[in-house]
Protein backbone atom coordinates (compact mmCIF):
# COMPACT_ATOMS: atom_id res chain seq x y z
CA UNK A 1 41.25 18.71 11.31
CA UNK A 2 39.97 17.90 14.79
CA UNK A 3 39.02 14.40 15.81
CA UNK A 4 35.37 15.43 16.00
CA UNK A 5 35.52 16.99 12.54
CA UNK A 6 36.55 13.60 11.20
CA UNK A 7 33.27 12.04 12.35
CA UNK A 8 30.93 14.99 11.80
CA UNK A 9 29.80 13.84 8.36
CA UNK A 10 28.91 10.40 9.67
CA UNK A 11 26.64 11.93 12.32
CA UNK A 12 24.55 13.29 9.47
CA UNK A 13 23.66 9.70 8.55
CA UNK A 14 21.78 9.10 11.79
CA UNK A 15 18.02 8.55 11.78
CA UNK A 16 16.03 7.48 14.85
CA UNK A 17 12.38 6.53 14.49
CA UNK A 18 9.94 7.73 17.12
CA UNK A 19 7.08 5.62 18.52
CA UNK A 20 3.63 7.15 18.21
CA UNK A 21 2.67 5.71 21.60
CA UNK A 22 5.35 7.75 23.36
CA UNK A 23 3.16 10.83 22.83
CA UNK A 24 0.00 9.30 24.36
CA UNK A 25 -0.84 8.80 28.00
CA UNK A 26 0.93 5.87 29.66
CA UNK A 27 1.79 4.58 33.08
CA UNK A 28 2.42 1.45 35.10
CA UNK A 29 0.40 -1.67 35.86
CA UNK A 30 -1.29 0.37 38.56
CA UNK A 31 -2.10 3.68 36.93
CA UNK A 32 -2.11 5.46 33.57
CA UNK A 33 -1.13 9.07 34.23
CA UNK A 34 -2.81 11.89 32.34
CA UNK A 35 -0.98 14.94 31.03
CA UNK A 36 -2.29 18.15 29.55
CA UNK A 37 -1.87 18.64 25.82
CA UNK A 38 -1.63 14.93 24.97
CA UNK A 39 -2.65 14.08 21.37
CA UNK A 40 -6.21 12.94 20.75
CA UNK A 41 -5.54 11.06 17.51
CA UNK A 42 -2.70 9.84 15.26
CA UNK A 43 -2.65 13.12 13.36
CA UNK A 44 -1.76 15.03 16.53
CA UNK A 45 0.82 12.39 17.47
CA UNK A 46 2.50 13.03 14.13
CA UNK A 47 2.47 16.79 14.75
CA UNK A 48 4.23 16.24 18.09
CA UNK A 49 6.77 13.86 16.59
CA UNK A 50 7.55 16.47 13.93
CA UNK A 51 8.59 18.83 16.72
CA UNK A 52 11.28 16.40 17.83
CA UNK A 53 12.68 16.27 14.30
CA UNK A 54 12.39 20.04 13.90
CA UNK A 55 14.62 20.71 16.88
CA UNK A 56 17.08 17.81 16.52
CA UNK A 57 17.18 16.78 12.86
CA UNK A 58 17.46 13.16 14.09
CA UNK A 59 13.92 11.76 13.90
CA UNK A 60 12.56 11.76 10.33
CA UNK A 61 9.99 8.96 10.82
CA UNK A 62 7.29 7.86 13.24
CA UNK A 63 6.21 4.27 13.88
CA UNK A 64 2.52 3.39 14.12
CA UNK A 65 0.83 0.87 16.42
CA UNK A 66 -2.26 -0.87 15.11
CA UNK A 67 -5.07 -0.63 16.22
CA UNK A 68 -3.98 2.23 18.50
CA UNK A 69 -3.29 4.38 15.44
CA UNK A 70 -6.14 3.16 13.29
CA UNK A 71 -7.61 5.75 10.90
CA UNK A 72 -10.04 5.62 8.01
CA UNK A 73 -7.59 6.96 5.43
CA UNK A 74 -3.92 6.00 5.77
CA UNK A 75 -3.10 7.87 2.59
CA UNK A 76 -4.29 11.04 4.28
CA UNK A 77 -2.23 10.19 7.36
CA UNK A 78 0.81 9.70 5.15
CA UNK A 79 0.28 13.06 3.46
CA UNK A 80 -0.21 14.69 6.87
CA UNK A 81 3.16 13.36 8.00
CA UNK A 82 4.88 14.57 4.83
CA UNK A 83 3.36 18.03 5.30
CA UNK A 84 4.98 18.07 8.73
CA UNK A 85 8.38 17.12 7.31
CA UNK A 86 8.49 13.49 8.45
CA UNK A 87 7.37 10.09 7.13
CA UNK A 88 5.47 7.09 8.45
CA UNK A 89 7.71 4.19 9.41
CA UNK A 90 7.36 0.79 11.02
CA UNK A 91 3.91 -0.73 11.49
CA UNK A 92 3.65 -2.51 14.86
CA UNK A 93 0.98 -5.17 15.29
CA UNK A 94 -0.97 -5.78 18.49
CA UNK A 95 -2.14 -9.25 19.51
CA UNK A 96 -2.05 -8.73 23.27
CA UNK A 97 -5.08 -6.56 24.09
CA UNK A 98 -7.98 -8.75 23.03
CA UNK A 99 -9.77 -11.22 25.28
CA UNK A 100 -9.33 -13.96 22.67
CA UNK A 101 -5.55 -13.74 23.17
CA UNK A 102 -5.52 -14.56 26.88
CA UNK A 103 -3.84 -17.92 26.16
CA UNK A 104 -1.94 -16.81 23.09
CA UNK A 105 -2.44 -15.40 19.61
CA UNK A 106 -0.43 -16.86 16.73
CA UNK A 107 0.58 -19.79 18.97
CA UNK A 108 -2.89 -20.46 20.41
CA UNK A 109 -4.17 -24.05 20.27
CA UNK A 110 -7.46 -22.83 18.79
CA UNK A 111 -7.16 -22.49 15.02
CA UNK A 112 -9.86 -19.82 14.95
CA UNK A 113 -7.92 -17.55 17.29
CA UNK A 114 -4.66 -18.15 15.42
CA UNK A 115 -6.36 -17.16 12.17
CA UNK A 116 -7.76 -14.04 13.83
CA UNK A 117 -4.21 -13.02 14.80
CA UNK A 118 -2.89 -13.83 11.34
CA UNK A 119 -5.69 -11.79 9.75
CA UNK A 120 -4.72 -8.85 11.95
CA UNK A 121 -1.22 -9.01 10.50
CA UNK A 122 -2.65 -9.21 7.00
CA UNK A 123 -4.53 -5.97 7.78
CA UNK A 124 -1.26 -4.43 9.01
CA UNK A 125 0.38 -5.33 5.70
CA UNK A 126 -2.48 -3.61 3.85
CA UNK A 127 -1.75 -0.52 5.94
CA UNK A 128 1.93 -0.78 4.98
CA UNK A 129 0.95 -0.58 1.32
CA UNK A 130 -0.90 2.68 2.04
CA UNK A 131 1.77 4.24 4.26
CA UNK A 132 4.81 3.12 2.26
CA UNK A 133 6.23 1.37 5.33
CA UNK A 134 8.98 -1.20 4.93
CA UNK A 135 8.79 -3.07 8.24
CA UNK A 136 6.09 -5.07 10.02
CA UNK A 137 7.25 -5.49 13.60
CA UNK A 138 5.79 -8.35 15.61
CA UNK A 139 6.07 -8.61 19.38
CA UNK A 140 4.11 -11.42 20.96
CA UNK A 141 2.84 -11.71 24.52
CA UNK A 142 2.33 -15.44 23.85
CA UNK A 143 3.52 -17.96 26.42
CA UNK A 144 2.36 -19.83 29.51
CA UNK A 145 2.26 -19.21 33.24
CA UNK A 146 2.26 -22.78 34.57
CA UNK A 147 4.10 -26.03 33.85
CA UNK A 148 1.90 -28.31 31.80
CA UNK A 149 -0.41 -25.49 30.72
CA UNK A 150 0.35 -26.13 27.04
CA UNK A 151 2.74 -28.03 24.79
CA UNK A 152 5.77 -25.76 24.36
CA UNK A 153 7.05 -27.57 21.27
CA UNK A 154 3.63 -27.50 19.62
CA UNK A 155 3.49 -23.77 20.24
CA UNK A 156 6.77 -23.35 18.36
CA UNK A 157 5.30 -25.32 15.47
CA UNK A 158 2.19 -23.14 15.46
CA UNK A 159 4.37 -20.03 15.67
CA UNK A 160 6.39 -21.12 12.65
CA UNK A 161 3.25 -21.87 10.66
CA UNK A 162 1.63 -18.51 11.51
CA UNK A 163 4.76 -16.52 10.75
CA UNK A 164 5.10 -18.31 7.41
CA UNK A 165 1.60 -17.24 6.41
CA UNK A 166 2.29 -13.65 7.42
CA UNK A 167 5.69 -13.58 5.72
CA UNK A 168 4.28 -14.95 2.49
CA UNK A 169 1.82 -12.04 2.37
CA UNK A 170 4.64 -9.43 2.30
CA UNK A 171 5.43 -7.75 -1.01
CA UNK A 172 8.41 -5.99 -2.57
CA UNK A 173 10.99 -4.92 -0.01
CA UNK A 174 8.68 -5.29 2.98
CA UNK A 175 10.22 -7.08 5.97
CA UNK A 176 8.95 -9.12 8.92
CA UNK A 177 10.77 -8.03 12.07
CA UNK A 178 10.39 -10.42 15.01
CA UNK A 179 10.97 -9.01 18.47
CA UNK A 180 11.80 -11.11 21.54
CA UNK A 181 11.35 -10.65 25.29
CA UNK A 182 12.48 -13.05 27.97
CA UNK A 183 9.39 -12.75 30.18
CA UNK A 184 6.17 -10.83 30.80
CA UNK A 185 3.25 -11.17 30.63
CA UNK A 186 3.93 -14.91 30.37
CA UNK A 187 6.04 -15.98 33.36
CA UNK A 188 6.70 -19.72 33.04
CA UNK A 189 7.78 -19.61 29.43
CA UNK A 190 7.58 -17.10 26.60
CA UNK A 191 7.22 -18.32 23.01
CA UNK A 192 9.87 -15.88 21.70
CA UNK A 193 12.06 -15.31 24.78
CA UNK A 194 15.50 -14.64 23.30
CA UNK A 195 17.52 -13.80 20.21
CA UNK A 196 18.24 -17.45 19.48
CA UNK A 197 14.56 -18.38 19.24
CA UNK A 198 13.83 -15.29 17.16
CA UNK A 199 16.80 -16.07 14.91
CA UNK A 200 15.72 -19.68 14.41
CA UNK A 201 12.22 -18.60 13.43
CA UNK A 202 13.26 -15.86 10.98
CA UNK A 203 15.96 -18.03 9.42
CA UNK A 204 13.26 -20.50 8.42
CA UNK A 205 11.29 -17.74 6.69
CA UNK A 206 13.73 -16.06 4.33
CA UNK A 207 15.96 -13.07 3.65
CA UNK A 208 13.30 -10.48 4.47
CA UNK A 209 12.70 -11.81 7.97
CA UNK A 210 14.96 -10.29 10.63
CA UNK A 211 15.26 -9.84 14.40
CA UNK A 212 14.41 -6.78 16.50
CA UNK A 213 16.49 -6.22 19.63
CA UNK A 214 14.82 -4.27 22.43
CA UNK A 215 17.44 -3.14 24.94
CA UNK A 216 15.03 -3.68 27.86
CA UNK A 217 14.06 -7.25 26.97
CA UNK A 218 16.95 -9.19 28.50
CA UNK A 219 17.77 -10.86 31.79
CA UNK A 220 19.99 -8.86 34.18
CA UNK A 221 23.65 -9.16 33.29
CA UNK A 222 23.06 -10.09 29.66
CA UNK A 223 25.83 -8.86 27.35
CA UNK A 224 23.60 -7.11 24.82
CA UNK A 225 26.48 -5.88 22.67
CA UNK A 226 27.53 -9.49 22.10
CA UNK A 227 24.04 -10.24 20.77
CA UNK A 228 24.31 -7.18 18.52
CA UNK A 229 27.67 -8.35 17.16
CA UNK A 230 26.37 -11.88 16.61
CA UNK A 231 23.17 -10.87 14.80
CA UNK A 232 25.09 -8.43 12.61
CA UNK A 233 27.60 -11.16 11.79
CA UNK A 234 24.72 -13.43 10.81
CA UNK A 235 23.01 -10.70 8.77
CA UNK A 236 19.82 -10.90 10.83
CA UNK A 237 19.78 -7.74 12.95
CA UNK A 238 16.87 -5.82 11.49
CA UNK A 239 16.07 -3.17 14.06
CA UNK A 240 16.53 -1.77 17.55
CA UNK A 241 14.02 -0.64 20.13
CA UNK A 242 16.03 1.72 22.30
CA UNK A 243 15.10 2.37 25.93
CA UNK A 244 16.66 2.01 29.35
CA UNK A 245 16.01 -0.26 32.32
CA UNK A 246 17.10 -0.70 35.91
CA UNK A 247 15.30 -3.98 36.64
CA UNK A 248 13.15 -5.29 33.78
CA UNK A 249 11.35 -3.77 30.82
CA UNK A 250 11.26 -0.31 32.37
CA UNK A 251 10.96 1.63 29.07
CA UNK A 252 12.83 4.61 30.49
CA UNK A 253 14.70 7.25 28.48
CA UNK A 254 17.50 5.54 26.57
CA UNK A 255 20.87 5.93 28.26
CA UNK A 256 19.33 7.02 31.55
CA UNK A 257 20.32 3.94 33.55
CA UNK A 258 23.56 2.89 31.85
CA UNK A 259 24.98 5.23 29.20
CA UNK A 260 28.12 3.09 29.01
CA UNK A 261 26.02 0.13 27.86
CA UNK A 262 24.49 2.31 25.14
CA UNK A 263 27.99 3.33 24.06
CA UNK A 264 29.13 -0.31 23.92
CA UNK A 265 26.09 -1.30 21.88
CA UNK A 266 26.59 1.52 19.40
CA UNK A 267 30.28 0.68 19.05
CA UNK A 268 29.34 -2.85 17.97
CA UNK A 269 26.69 -1.49 15.63
CA UNK A 270 29.27 0.72 13.92
CA UNK A 271 31.98 -1.93 13.95
CA UNK A 272 29.58 -4.46 12.42
CA UNK A 273 28.37 -2.22 9.60
CA UNK A 274 24.95 -1.59 11.11
CA UNK A 275 25.18 2.21 11.07
CA UNK A 276 24.76 4.65 8.22
CA UNK A 277 22.79 5.16 5.03
CA UNK A 278 23.90 1.85 3.54
CA UNK A 279 22.74 -0.12 6.57
CA UNK A 280 19.39 -1.90 6.65
CA UNK A 281 19.25 -1.75 10.46
CA UNK A 282 16.45 0.50 11.72
CA UNK A 283 16.80 2.45 14.94
CA UNK A 284 13.71 3.27 16.97
CA UNK A 285 12.83 4.44 20.45
CA UNK A 286 10.38 2.32 22.44
CA UNK A 287 9.69 4.31 25.57
CA UNK A 288 6.85 5.60 27.69
CA UNK A 289 7.07 9.00 29.33
CA UNK A 290 4.98 8.58 32.45
CA UNK A 291 6.24 11.33 34.77
CA UNK A 292 8.16 13.58 32.38
CA UNK A 293 6.77 15.67 29.53
CA UNK A 294 6.53 13.63 26.37
CA UNK A 295 8.00 15.77 23.61
CA UNK A 296 11.00 16.91 25.71
CA UNK A 297 11.42 13.26 26.79
CA UNK A 298 11.72 12.21 23.15
CA UNK A 299 14.10 15.08 22.39
CA UNK A 300 16.30 14.07 25.32
CA UNK A 301 16.23 10.47 24.13
CA UNK A 302 17.39 11.07 20.56
CA UNK A 303 20.10 13.42 21.83
CA UNK A 304 21.35 10.68 24.17
CA UNK A 305 21.61 8.26 21.25
CA UNK A 306 23.41 10.87 19.15
CA UNK A 307 25.91 11.62 21.92
CA UNK A 308 26.82 7.98 22.46
CA UNK A 309 27.02 7.46 18.70
CA UNK A 310 29.52 10.32 18.47
CA UNK A 311 31.62 8.83 21.26
CA UNK A 312 31.49 5.39 19.63
CA UNK A 313 32.64 6.89 16.33
CA UNK A 314 35.58 8.46 18.16
CA UNK A 315 37.08 5.09 19.13
CA UNK A 316 40.52 4.85 17.48
CA UNK A 317 39.82 1.61 15.67
CA UNK A 318 43.33 1.30 14.22
CA UNK A 319 45.01 1.69 17.61
CA UNK A 320 42.43 -0.56 19.26
CA UNK A 321 42.92 -3.37 16.77
CA UNK A 322 46.69 -3.08 17.13
CA UNK A 323 46.44 -3.37 20.91
CA UNK A 324 44.11 -6.34 20.54
CA UNK A 325 46.52 -8.13 18.19
CA UNK A 326 49.36 -7.55 20.63
CA UNK A 327 47.29 -8.84 23.53
CA UNK A 328 47.77 -5.52 25.32
CA UNK A 329 44.71 -5.72 27.52
CA UNK A 330 45.16 -2.47 29.41
CA UNK A 331 45.99 -0.41 26.32
CA UNK A 332 42.98 -1.76 24.44
CA UNK A 333 40.68 -0.93 27.33
CA UNK A 334 42.24 2.51 27.70
CA UNK A 335 41.57 3.35 24.04
CA UNK A 336 37.99 2.21 24.42
CA UNK A 337 37.42 4.18 27.62
CA UNK A 338 39.09 7.34 26.29
CA UNK A 339 36.40 7.58 23.63
CA UNK A 340 33.61 6.95 26.12
CA UNK A 341 34.86 9.67 28.49
CA UNK A 342 35.23 12.26 25.71
CA UNK A 343 32.81 15.15 26.28
CA UNK A 344 31.25 15.85 22.87
CA UNK A 345 28.38 18.06 24.00
CA UNK A 346 29.90 21.36 22.85
CA UNK A 347 30.97 19.82 19.55
CA UNK A 348 27.45 18.51 18.98
CA UNK A 349 25.99 21.95 19.72
CA UNK A 350 28.26 23.46 17.08
CA UNK A 351 27.43 20.59 14.70
CA UNK A 352 23.73 21.38 15.05
CA UNK A 353 24.24 25.09 14.48
CA UNK A 354 26.23 24.38 11.32
CA UNK A 355 23.14 22.59 9.98
CA UNK A 356 20.63 25.27 10.90
CA UNK A 357 19.45 23.48 14.02
CA UNK A 358 19.30 24.99 17.51
CA UNK A 359 22.42 24.42 19.58
CA UNK A 360 20.27 23.49 22.56
CA UNK A 361 17.16 21.67 21.28
CA UNK A 362 15.40 21.33 24.64
CA UNK A 363 15.74 25.02 25.39
CA UNK A 364 14.64 25.94 21.88
CA UNK A 365 11.56 23.74 22.16
CA UNK A 366 10.67 25.23 25.56
CA UNK A 367 10.95 28.73 24.08
CA UNK A 368 8.87 27.88 20.99
CA UNK A 369 5.52 28.06 22.75
CA UNK A 370 4.38 24.75 21.24
CA UNK A 371 3.81 23.11 24.63
CA UNK A 372 1.55 25.91 25.80
CA UNK A 373 -0.32 25.93 22.49
CA UNK A 374 -1.21 22.22 22.54
CA UNK A 375 -2.36 22.45 26.15
CA UNK A 376 -4.75 25.20 25.07
CA UNK A 377 -5.84 23.66 21.77
CA UNK A 378 -6.36 20.12 23.10
CA UNK A 379 -8.29 20.97 26.24
CA UNK A 380 -11.40 19.22 24.95
CA UNK A 381 -11.66 15.64 23.68
CA UNK A 382 -10.50 12.14 24.55
CA UNK A 383 -6.74 11.80 24.87
CA UNK A 384 -4.82 8.99 23.18
CA UNK A 385 -3.14 6.40 25.34
CA UNK A 386 -2.55 2.69 25.76
CA UNK A 387 -5.17 0.90 23.78
CA UNK A 388 -6.32 3.94 21.82
């Protein structure tokens, strides 16, 4: 049996959630770029996401962003997704696009505004009941721009109180997933800037409160795989937002800037028990496709994650651990690098064919005619994008 054959079954355990907003129009601080064929509503976003799963077999769920994906009937949206062969996943809240939140949302000094933000999360939980979603993901733009602008400790107290109220509203197996980001749009201090702050807040809440790690939300030079290993060790790594960055939160295609970093992260995920059907860690893309086509961009992204997962699974763990015990630095590094440099692309093509999937998903999608059809069918109407 070949080395790849030994890991083939484990590749079948992979599931990568897609973000609904990746299919809408997006851009930079300076310009939102329009593309032809972009979805006009959440139903069309789901149809596009289903194409990614159809050609890769890797993306069985789509995350929603509220209120961007607000509809009158979430039961109908859920049935629509199921008819397309996928399911609705994480519900992402939004407390950063309302004028009331200029100085904060759940950490705001004004009790009225804090309650407004809390009520929004209550509404998101109601949506979770209708969609069958497990996770409520919270990313906060809260923070300050100037020294003395607000009491940083008081904001942490208000954050803890708000999160407690939201957490207590969860039911069954629903989870609160707290995301962190070290800066932007608050530049002097951010209320949830790092994994330690996020960990401290979720630890105070309970077992169903966990941390989300976004690969673009760290200072340059941060050892992200160490954070992964630590949160897994502590039992508090709840989910990933995969993307790629050169400078800050660039939200580029995952693996585009540093595929070796993606490999190192996935190795720690696997080593720490965060991969596979028995794991509670959710994997999601969080990207914007501003200059490339959106559906092919998502296909390319999930394939990049799959390729680095395969390479990470190929690490000879027995030999590596032996070299580590012996203190054989060069041998340990060689074993690690051998797996990273292994070209698994042909093996993955054959793996896909063995499961009734196209060997080359991007080419198969291009030949399907779907892109031309949505350009024609969606020529009229308001396109979805940031904020809608």
